[in-house]
N, C-alpha and C. Protein backbone atom coordinates (compact mmCIF):
# COMPACT_ATOMS: atom_id res chain seq x y z
N MET A 1 5.61 12.26 -10.11
CA MET A 1 4.98 11.22 -9.38
C MET A 1 4.26 11.78 -8.26
N GLU A 2 3.09 11.35 -8.00
CA GLU A 2 2.18 11.77 -6.89
C GLU A 2 1.79 10.54 -6.08
N VAL A 3 2.19 10.61 -4.87
CA VAL A 3 1.98 9.54 -3.93
C VAL A 3 1.04 10.01 -2.79
N LEU A 4 0.17 9.16 -2.50
CA LEU A 4 -0.89 9.34 -1.39
C LEU A 4 -0.62 8.34 -0.28
N LEU A 5 -0.48 8.83 0.86
CA LEU A 5 -0.29 7.94 2.05
C LEU A 5 -1.53 8.07 2.90
N ILE A 6 -2.16 6.82 3.13
CA ILE A 6 -3.39 6.74 3.93
C ILE A 6 -3.04 5.90 5.22
N ASP A 7 -2.82 6.65 6.24
CA ASP A 7 -2.62 5.93 7.55
C ASP A 7 -2.95 6.87 8.72
N ASP A 8 -3.52 6.31 9.74
CA ASP A 8 -4.01 7.31 10.83
C ASP A 8 -2.94 7.53 11.92
N GLN A 9 -1.72 7.13 11.65
CA GLN A 9 -0.61 7.37 12.60
C GLN A 9 0.33 8.48 12.10
N ALA A 10 0.22 9.67 12.69
CA ALA A 10 0.89 10.84 12.31
C ALA A 10 2.44 10.56 12.00
N VAL A 11 3.07 9.95 13.03
CA VAL A 11 4.55 9.72 12.93
C VAL A 11 4.88 8.72 11.84
N THR A 12 3.97 7.74 11.66
CA THR A 12 4.20 6.76 10.55
C THR A 12 4.16 7.45 9.16
N VAL A 13 3.14 8.34 8.97
CA VAL A 13 3.02 8.87 7.54
C VAL A 13 4.30 9.98 7.40
N GLN A 14 4.73 10.46 8.46
CA GLN A 14 6.01 11.45 8.29
C GLN A 14 7.17 10.59 7.82
N VAL A 15 7.33 9.37 8.47
CA VAL A 15 8.38 8.56 8.01
C VAL A 15 8.21 8.04 6.58
N TYR A 16 6.99 7.54 6.36
CA TYR A 16 6.76 7.13 4.86
C TYR A 16 6.82 8.23 3.89
N ALA A 17 6.46 9.38 4.21
CA ALA A 17 6.58 10.53 3.27
C ALA A 17 8.08 10.77 3.05
N ALA A 18 8.86 10.72 4.05
CA ALA A 18 10.46 10.99 3.92
C ALA A 18 10.96 9.90 3.07
N ILE A 19 10.50 8.67 3.34
CA ILE A 19 11.02 7.51 2.38
C ILE A 19 10.62 7.67 0.91
N ALA A 20 9.40 8.07 0.68
CA ALA A 20 8.85 8.19 -0.70
C ALA A 20 9.67 9.45 -1.27
N ARG A 21 9.79 10.47 -0.64
CA ARG A 21 10.55 11.57 -1.24
C ARG A 21 11.95 11.26 -1.59
N ARG A 22 12.62 10.48 -0.74
CA ARG A 22 14.02 9.95 -1.16
C ARG A 22 13.98 8.96 -2.13
N THR A 23 12.93 8.11 -2.30
CA THR A 23 13.01 7.03 -3.29
C THR A 23 12.47 7.73 -4.75
N PHE A 24 11.82 8.82 -4.67
CA PHE A 24 11.17 9.44 -5.76
C PHE A 24 11.42 10.97 -5.73
N PRO A 25 12.71 11.45 -5.88
CA PRO A 25 13.10 12.81 -5.76
C PRO A 25 12.00 13.66 -6.66
N GLY A 26 11.48 14.77 -5.98
CA GLY A 26 10.53 15.55 -6.72
C GLY A 26 9.12 15.21 -6.62
N ALA A 27 8.88 14.00 -5.95
CA ALA A 27 7.48 13.55 -5.86
C ALA A 27 6.68 14.43 -4.91
N ARG A 28 5.43 14.51 -5.31
CA ARG A 28 4.52 15.20 -4.42
C ARG A 28 3.82 14.11 -3.54
N VAL A 29 3.93 14.27 -2.16
CA VAL A 29 3.40 13.34 -1.27
C VAL A 29 2.19 13.96 -0.54
N THR A 30 1.15 13.35 -0.54
CA THR A 30 -0.12 13.88 0.24
C THR A 30 -0.48 12.79 1.22
N VAL A 31 -0.88 13.27 2.44
CA VAL A 31 -1.16 12.55 3.47
C VAL A 31 -2.77 12.58 3.75
N ALA A 32 -3.37 11.31 4.01
CA ALA A 32 -4.78 11.37 4.47
C ALA A 32 -4.75 10.51 5.67
N LEU A 33 -5.48 10.99 6.85
CA LEU A 33 -5.37 10.21 8.05
C LEU A 33 -6.54 9.22 8.21
N ASP A 34 -7.38 9.15 7.26
CA ASP A 34 -8.44 8.13 7.24
C ASP A 34 -8.82 7.78 5.84
N LEU A 35 -9.66 6.66 5.60
CA LEU A 35 -10.01 6.08 4.35
C LEU A 35 -10.79 7.24 3.58
N SER A 36 -11.83 7.84 4.34
CA SER A 36 -12.75 8.75 3.63
C SER A 36 -11.99 9.89 2.96
N GLU A 37 -10.90 10.51 3.78
CA GLU A 37 -10.31 11.52 3.26
C GLU A 37 -9.27 11.12 2.11
N GLY A 38 -8.70 9.80 2.13
CA GLY A 38 -7.93 9.37 1.06
C GLY A 38 -8.72 9.16 -0.12
N LEU A 39 -9.87 8.67 -0.07
CA LEU A 39 -10.81 8.36 -1.22
C LEU A 39 -11.15 9.74 -1.78
N GLN A 40 -11.39 10.81 -1.09
CA GLN A 40 -11.77 12.23 -1.62
C GLN A 40 -10.55 12.68 -2.47
N ILE A 41 -9.33 12.49 -1.85
CA ILE A 41 -8.11 12.96 -2.60
C ILE A 41 -7.93 12.16 -3.97
N ALA A 42 -7.98 10.87 -3.80
CA ALA A 42 -7.78 9.97 -4.85
C ALA A 42 -8.78 10.20 -6.05
N MET A 43 -9.97 10.48 -5.75
CA MET A 43 -11.00 10.66 -6.72
C MET A 43 -11.02 12.04 -7.51
N HIS A 44 -10.19 13.02 -6.84
CA HIS A 44 -9.98 14.25 -7.56
C HIS A 44 -8.75 14.55 -8.02
N ARG A 45 -7.78 13.64 -7.93
CA ARG A 45 -6.33 13.99 -8.43
C ARG A 45 -5.85 12.71 -8.98
N LYS A 46 -4.92 12.92 -9.89
CA LYS A 46 -4.24 11.76 -10.56
C LYS A 46 -3.18 11.27 -9.61
N ILE A 47 -3.42 10.23 -8.96
CA ILE A 47 -2.43 9.61 -7.93
C ILE A 47 -1.72 8.48 -8.68
N ASP A 48 -0.39 8.42 -8.61
CA ASP A 48 0.42 7.37 -9.13
C ASP A 48 0.52 6.18 -8.31
N LEU A 49 0.49 6.37 -7.04
CA LEU A 49 0.76 5.31 -6.04
C LEU A 49 0.10 5.66 -4.73
N VAL A 50 -0.39 4.75 -4.17
CA VAL A 50 -1.04 4.79 -2.83
C VAL A 50 -0.46 3.96 -1.88
N LEU A 51 0.01 4.34 -0.64
CA LEU A 51 0.42 3.47 0.40
C LEU A 51 -0.75 3.38 1.41
N LEU A 52 -1.29 2.26 1.55
CA LEU A 52 -2.51 2.07 2.43
C LEU A 52 -2.31 1.20 3.63
N ASP A 53 -2.66 1.82 4.72
CA ASP A 53 -2.68 0.93 5.96
C ASP A 53 -4.09 0.22 5.98
N LEU A 54 -4.07 -1.05 6.48
CA LEU A 54 -5.30 -1.78 6.60
C LEU A 54 -5.99 -1.48 7.95
N GLN A 55 -5.42 -0.88 8.93
CA GLN A 55 -6.00 -0.67 10.16
C GLN A 55 -6.25 0.77 10.55
N LEU A 56 -7.30 1.17 9.96
CA LEU A 56 -7.66 2.71 10.07
C LEU A 56 -8.93 2.71 10.96
N GLN A 57 -9.13 3.89 11.55
CA GLN A 57 -10.18 4.21 12.52
C GLN A 57 -11.50 3.92 11.82
N ASN A 58 -11.69 4.14 10.51
CA ASN A 58 -13.02 4.04 9.82
C ASN A 58 -13.02 2.85 9.00
N SER A 59 -12.01 1.96 9.04
CA SER A 59 -11.96 0.87 8.08
C SER A 59 -10.97 -0.18 8.59
N VAL A 60 -11.24 -1.44 8.63
CA VAL A 60 -10.36 -2.39 9.18
C VAL A 60 -10.12 -3.63 8.25
N GLY A 61 -8.79 -4.06 8.00
CA GLY A 61 -8.75 -5.33 7.32
C GLY A 61 -8.74 -5.14 5.76
N VAL A 62 -8.86 -6.25 5.08
CA VAL A 62 -8.81 -6.31 3.69
C VAL A 62 -10.00 -5.41 3.02
N GLN A 63 -11.03 -5.37 3.79
CA GLN A 63 -12.19 -4.58 3.34
C GLN A 63 -11.65 -3.01 3.04
N THR A 64 -10.72 -2.61 3.65
CA THR A 64 -10.13 -1.25 3.48
C THR A 64 -9.62 -1.20 2.04
N LEU A 65 -8.84 -2.19 1.69
CA LEU A 65 -8.30 -2.18 0.25
C LEU A 65 -9.43 -2.48 -0.77
N ASN A 66 -10.36 -3.19 -0.40
CA ASN A 66 -11.46 -3.51 -1.35
C ASN A 66 -12.33 -2.15 -1.56
N LYS A 67 -12.57 -1.40 -0.55
CA LYS A 67 -13.25 -0.18 -0.62
C LYS A 67 -12.56 0.79 -1.52
N PHE A 68 -11.18 0.94 -1.27
CA PHE A 68 -10.42 1.76 -2.13
C PHE A 68 -10.41 1.32 -3.55
N ARG A 69 -10.22 0.12 -3.74
CA ARG A 69 -10.12 -0.39 -5.17
C ARG A 69 -11.38 -0.23 -5.92
N ARG A 70 -12.64 -0.39 -5.20
CA ARG A 70 -13.86 -0.23 -5.85
C ARG A 70 -14.00 1.40 -6.30
N ALA A 71 -13.71 2.19 -5.36
CA ALA A 71 -13.78 3.60 -5.72
C ALA A 71 -12.75 4.14 -6.76
N CYS A 72 -11.44 3.63 -6.72
CA CYS A 72 -10.52 4.06 -7.49
C CYS A 72 -9.78 2.88 -8.11
N PRO A 73 -10.46 2.15 -9.16
CA PRO A 73 -9.86 0.83 -9.53
C PRO A 73 -8.58 0.92 -10.37
N GLY A 74 -8.33 2.03 -10.87
CA GLY A 74 -7.06 2.17 -11.74
C GLY A 74 -5.81 2.61 -11.02
N THR A 75 -6.01 2.88 -9.70
CA THR A 75 -4.96 3.61 -8.82
C THR A 75 -4.10 2.31 -8.21
N PRO A 76 -2.84 2.24 -8.46
CA PRO A 76 -2.04 1.26 -7.82
C PRO A 76 -1.93 1.44 -6.35
N VAL A 77 -2.12 0.29 -5.58
CA VAL A 77 -2.07 0.39 -3.99
C VAL A 77 -1.06 -0.52 -3.57
N LEU A 78 -0.05 0.05 -2.75
CA LEU A 78 0.79 -0.86 -2.03
C LEU A 78 0.37 -0.84 -0.60
N VAL A 79 0.01 -1.90 -0.09
CA VAL A 79 -0.37 -2.14 1.44
C VAL A 79 0.89 -2.09 2.23
N VAL A 80 0.81 -1.14 3.15
CA VAL A 80 1.84 -1.11 4.25
C VAL A 80 1.11 -1.13 5.50
N THR A 81 1.24 -2.28 6.33
CA THR A 81 0.41 -2.38 7.49
C THR A 81 1.07 -3.16 8.53
N GLY A 82 0.50 -3.16 9.78
CA GLY A 82 0.98 -3.99 10.75
C GLY A 82 0.56 -5.37 10.84
N VAL A 83 -0.41 -5.70 9.95
CA VAL A 83 -0.87 -7.03 9.77
C VAL A 83 0.11 -7.78 8.90
N ASP A 84 0.66 -8.95 9.29
CA ASP A 84 1.60 -9.61 8.52
C ASP A 84 1.42 -11.14 8.41
N ASP A 85 0.25 -11.51 8.40
CA ASP A 85 -0.14 -12.99 8.33
C ASP A 85 -0.24 -13.33 6.82
N LYS A 86 0.10 -14.53 6.51
CA LYS A 86 0.16 -14.85 5.01
C LYS A 86 -1.30 -14.74 4.36
N GLU A 87 -2.30 -15.05 5.23
CA GLU A 87 -3.63 -15.05 4.58
C GLU A 87 -3.92 -13.63 4.26
N THR A 88 -3.60 -12.62 5.13
CA THR A 88 -4.02 -11.30 4.73
C THR A 88 -3.14 -10.81 3.43
N ILE A 89 -1.89 -11.21 3.48
CA ILE A 89 -1.08 -10.80 2.45
C ILE A 89 -1.54 -11.40 1.02
N HIS A 90 -1.87 -12.64 1.15
CA HIS A 90 -2.41 -13.26 -0.13
C HIS A 90 -3.83 -12.67 -0.48
N ALA A 91 -4.72 -12.35 0.54
CA ALA A 91 -6.03 -11.77 0.12
C ALA A 91 -5.85 -10.38 -0.50
N CYS A 92 -4.83 -9.64 0.05
CA CYS A 92 -4.56 -8.22 -0.57
C CYS A 92 -4.07 -8.31 -1.90
N LEU A 93 -3.15 -9.24 -2.18
CA LEU A 93 -2.64 -9.41 -3.48
C LEU A 93 -3.68 -9.86 -4.46
N LYS A 94 -4.55 -10.80 -4.02
CA LYS A 94 -5.70 -11.29 -4.99
C LYS A 94 -6.64 -10.15 -5.11
N ALA A 95 -6.77 -9.30 -4.18
CA ALA A 95 -7.76 -8.11 -4.32
C ALA A 95 -7.23 -7.01 -5.27
N GLY A 96 -5.96 -7.14 -5.62
CA GLY A 96 -5.42 -6.17 -6.58
C GLY A 96 -4.33 -5.19 -6.08
N ALA A 97 -3.80 -5.50 -4.90
CA ALA A 97 -2.81 -4.73 -4.46
C ALA A 97 -1.46 -4.99 -5.23
N VAL A 98 -0.64 -3.92 -5.52
CA VAL A 98 0.56 -4.21 -6.27
C VAL A 98 1.65 -4.63 -5.49
N GLY A 99 1.43 -4.68 -4.14
CA GLY A 99 2.48 -5.15 -3.22
C GLY A 99 2.02 -5.09 -1.86
N TYR A 100 2.88 -5.59 -1.01
CA TYR A 100 2.49 -5.72 0.53
C TYR A 100 3.81 -5.51 1.31
N VAL A 101 3.87 -4.62 2.22
CA VAL A 101 4.93 -4.44 3.08
C VAL A 101 4.47 -4.49 4.63
N PRO A 102 4.91 -5.43 5.35
CA PRO A 102 4.53 -5.36 6.85
C PRO A 102 5.27 -4.22 7.48
N LYS A 103 4.65 -3.50 8.45
CA LYS A 103 5.39 -2.40 9.07
C LYS A 103 6.39 -2.83 9.91
N THR A 104 6.62 -4.02 10.11
CA THR A 104 7.85 -4.52 10.84
C THR A 104 9.04 -4.65 10.07
N SER A 105 8.94 -4.38 8.73
CA SER A 105 10.02 -4.45 7.86
C SER A 105 10.99 -3.38 7.89
N ALA A 106 12.31 -3.58 7.31
CA ALA A 106 13.26 -2.53 7.40
C ALA A 106 12.79 -1.44 6.35
N VAL A 107 13.45 -0.25 6.68
CA VAL A 107 13.25 0.91 5.70
C VAL A 107 13.65 0.54 4.26
N GLN A 108 14.80 -0.21 4.15
CA GLN A 108 15.20 -0.51 2.74
C GLN A 108 14.22 -1.53 2.12
N THR A 109 13.40 -2.21 2.84
CA THR A 109 12.36 -3.10 2.31
C THR A 109 11.34 -2.22 1.63
N LEU A 110 10.95 -1.16 2.34
CA LEU A 110 9.74 -0.35 1.75
C LEU A 110 10.47 0.34 0.56
N ARG A 111 11.63 0.78 0.55
CA ARG A 111 12.21 1.43 -0.62
C ARG A 111 12.32 0.55 -1.73
N THR A 112 12.68 -0.77 -1.55
CA THR A 112 12.60 -1.77 -2.56
C THR A 112 11.27 -1.99 -3.16
N ALA A 113 10.29 -2.07 -2.25
CA ALA A 113 8.99 -2.27 -2.72
C ALA A 113 8.52 -1.05 -3.49
N LEU A 114 8.70 0.24 -3.16
CA LEU A 114 8.47 1.40 -3.92
C LEU A 114 9.02 1.36 -5.29
N GLU A 115 10.32 0.96 -5.33
CA GLU A 115 11.05 0.96 -6.62
C GLU A 115 10.33 -0.12 -7.43
N ALA A 116 10.04 -1.20 -6.87
CA ALA A 116 9.52 -2.35 -7.71
C ALA A 116 8.14 -1.99 -8.25
N VAL A 117 7.26 -1.56 -7.44
CA VAL A 117 5.91 -1.30 -7.97
C VAL A 117 5.89 -0.12 -8.87
N SER A 118 6.66 0.98 -8.70
CA SER A 118 6.81 2.06 -9.55
C SER A 118 7.25 1.66 -11.04
N ALA A 119 8.10 0.49 -11.00
CA ALA A 119 8.49 -0.14 -12.32
C ALA A 119 7.45 -1.01 -12.95
N GLY A 120 6.26 -1.17 -12.33
CA GLY A 120 5.27 -2.04 -12.80
C GLY A 120 5.41 -3.45 -12.30
N LYS A 121 6.20 -3.58 -11.26
CA LYS A 121 6.29 -5.09 -10.84
C LYS A 121 5.56 -5.35 -9.63
N LEU A 122 5.29 -6.48 -9.22
CA LEU A 122 4.49 -6.86 -7.88
C LEU A 122 5.55 -7.03 -7.01
N TYR A 123 5.26 -6.54 -5.71
CA TYR A 123 6.09 -6.72 -4.62
C TYR A 123 5.54 -7.65 -3.63
N ILE A 124 6.21 -8.84 -3.48
CA ILE A 124 5.75 -9.79 -2.55
C ILE A 124 6.82 -9.85 -1.42
N PRO A 125 6.49 -9.67 -0.13
CA PRO A 125 7.42 -9.72 0.90
C PRO A 125 7.98 -11.19 1.07
N PRO A 126 9.25 -11.29 1.47
CA PRO A 126 9.90 -12.59 1.63
C PRO A 126 9.15 -13.55 2.50
N GLU A 127 8.38 -13.06 3.45
CA GLU A 127 7.69 -13.85 4.29
C GLU A 127 6.45 -14.54 3.70
N ALA A 128 5.97 -14.04 2.61
CA ALA A 128 4.88 -14.75 1.80
C ALA A 128 5.63 -15.55 0.77
N LYS A 129 5.77 -16.82 0.90
CA LYS A 129 6.44 -17.73 -0.10
C LYS A 129 5.58 -17.72 -1.33
N ILE A 130 6.33 -17.72 -2.41
CA ILE A 130 5.70 -17.69 -3.82
C ILE A 130 4.71 -18.99 -3.96
N ALA A 131 5.26 -20.11 -3.48
CA ALA A 131 4.41 -21.33 -3.67
C ALA A 131 3.20 -21.18 -2.93
N ASP A 132 3.23 -20.46 -1.81
CA ASP A 132 1.96 -20.31 -1.01
C ASP A 132 1.02 -19.44 -1.73
N LEU A 133 1.63 -18.38 -2.39
CA LEU A 133 0.81 -17.32 -3.11
C LEU A 133 0.13 -17.95 -4.34
N LYS A 134 0.95 -18.75 -5.03
CA LYS A 134 0.32 -19.55 -6.18
C LYS A 134 -0.91 -20.34 -5.77
N ALA A 135 -0.74 -21.12 -4.67
CA ALA A 135 -1.65 -21.93 -4.22
C ALA A 135 -2.90 -21.16 -3.77
N ALA A 136 -2.69 -20.08 -3.17
CA ALA A 136 -3.79 -19.26 -2.74
C ALA A 136 -4.67 -18.78 -3.95
N ASN A 137 -3.84 -18.54 -4.99
CA ASN A 137 -4.56 -17.92 -6.17
C ASN A 137 -5.04 -18.91 -7.22
N GLY A 138 -4.89 -20.17 -6.74
CA GLY A 138 -5.50 -21.30 -7.57
C GLY A 138 -4.43 -21.75 -8.67
N GLY A 139 -3.20 -21.45 -8.49
CA GLY A 139 -2.20 -21.77 -9.46
C GLY A 139 -1.24 -22.90 -9.20
């Protein structure tokens, strides 16, 4: 398992790296501190999962996910960010994220999300009600 963390906060990526290694023993975890660096890594290596913050110095909001998905369309992206409004969660899931974890979540929530998306499941945080998500996606 190869995991790429894209977040511009050094302490945050250290914590996420530790959680990823505990969740996926033997995983190779690589850190990129901005989107450009993350894209360079993802375009030259086989990445199994990306943890992506939406609030980076060189890219902000859902456009961050869109830029990554355009460049690396087959790479699964779990959004882990400080933005936790339903509209952003829905927009990210609609844009192809495999899951969404607000940074205010507990460590166990991130582990649960990592386990779910690595098993091919979509992870939707409890604060994003399923009915709201279906409505946002036209269902």
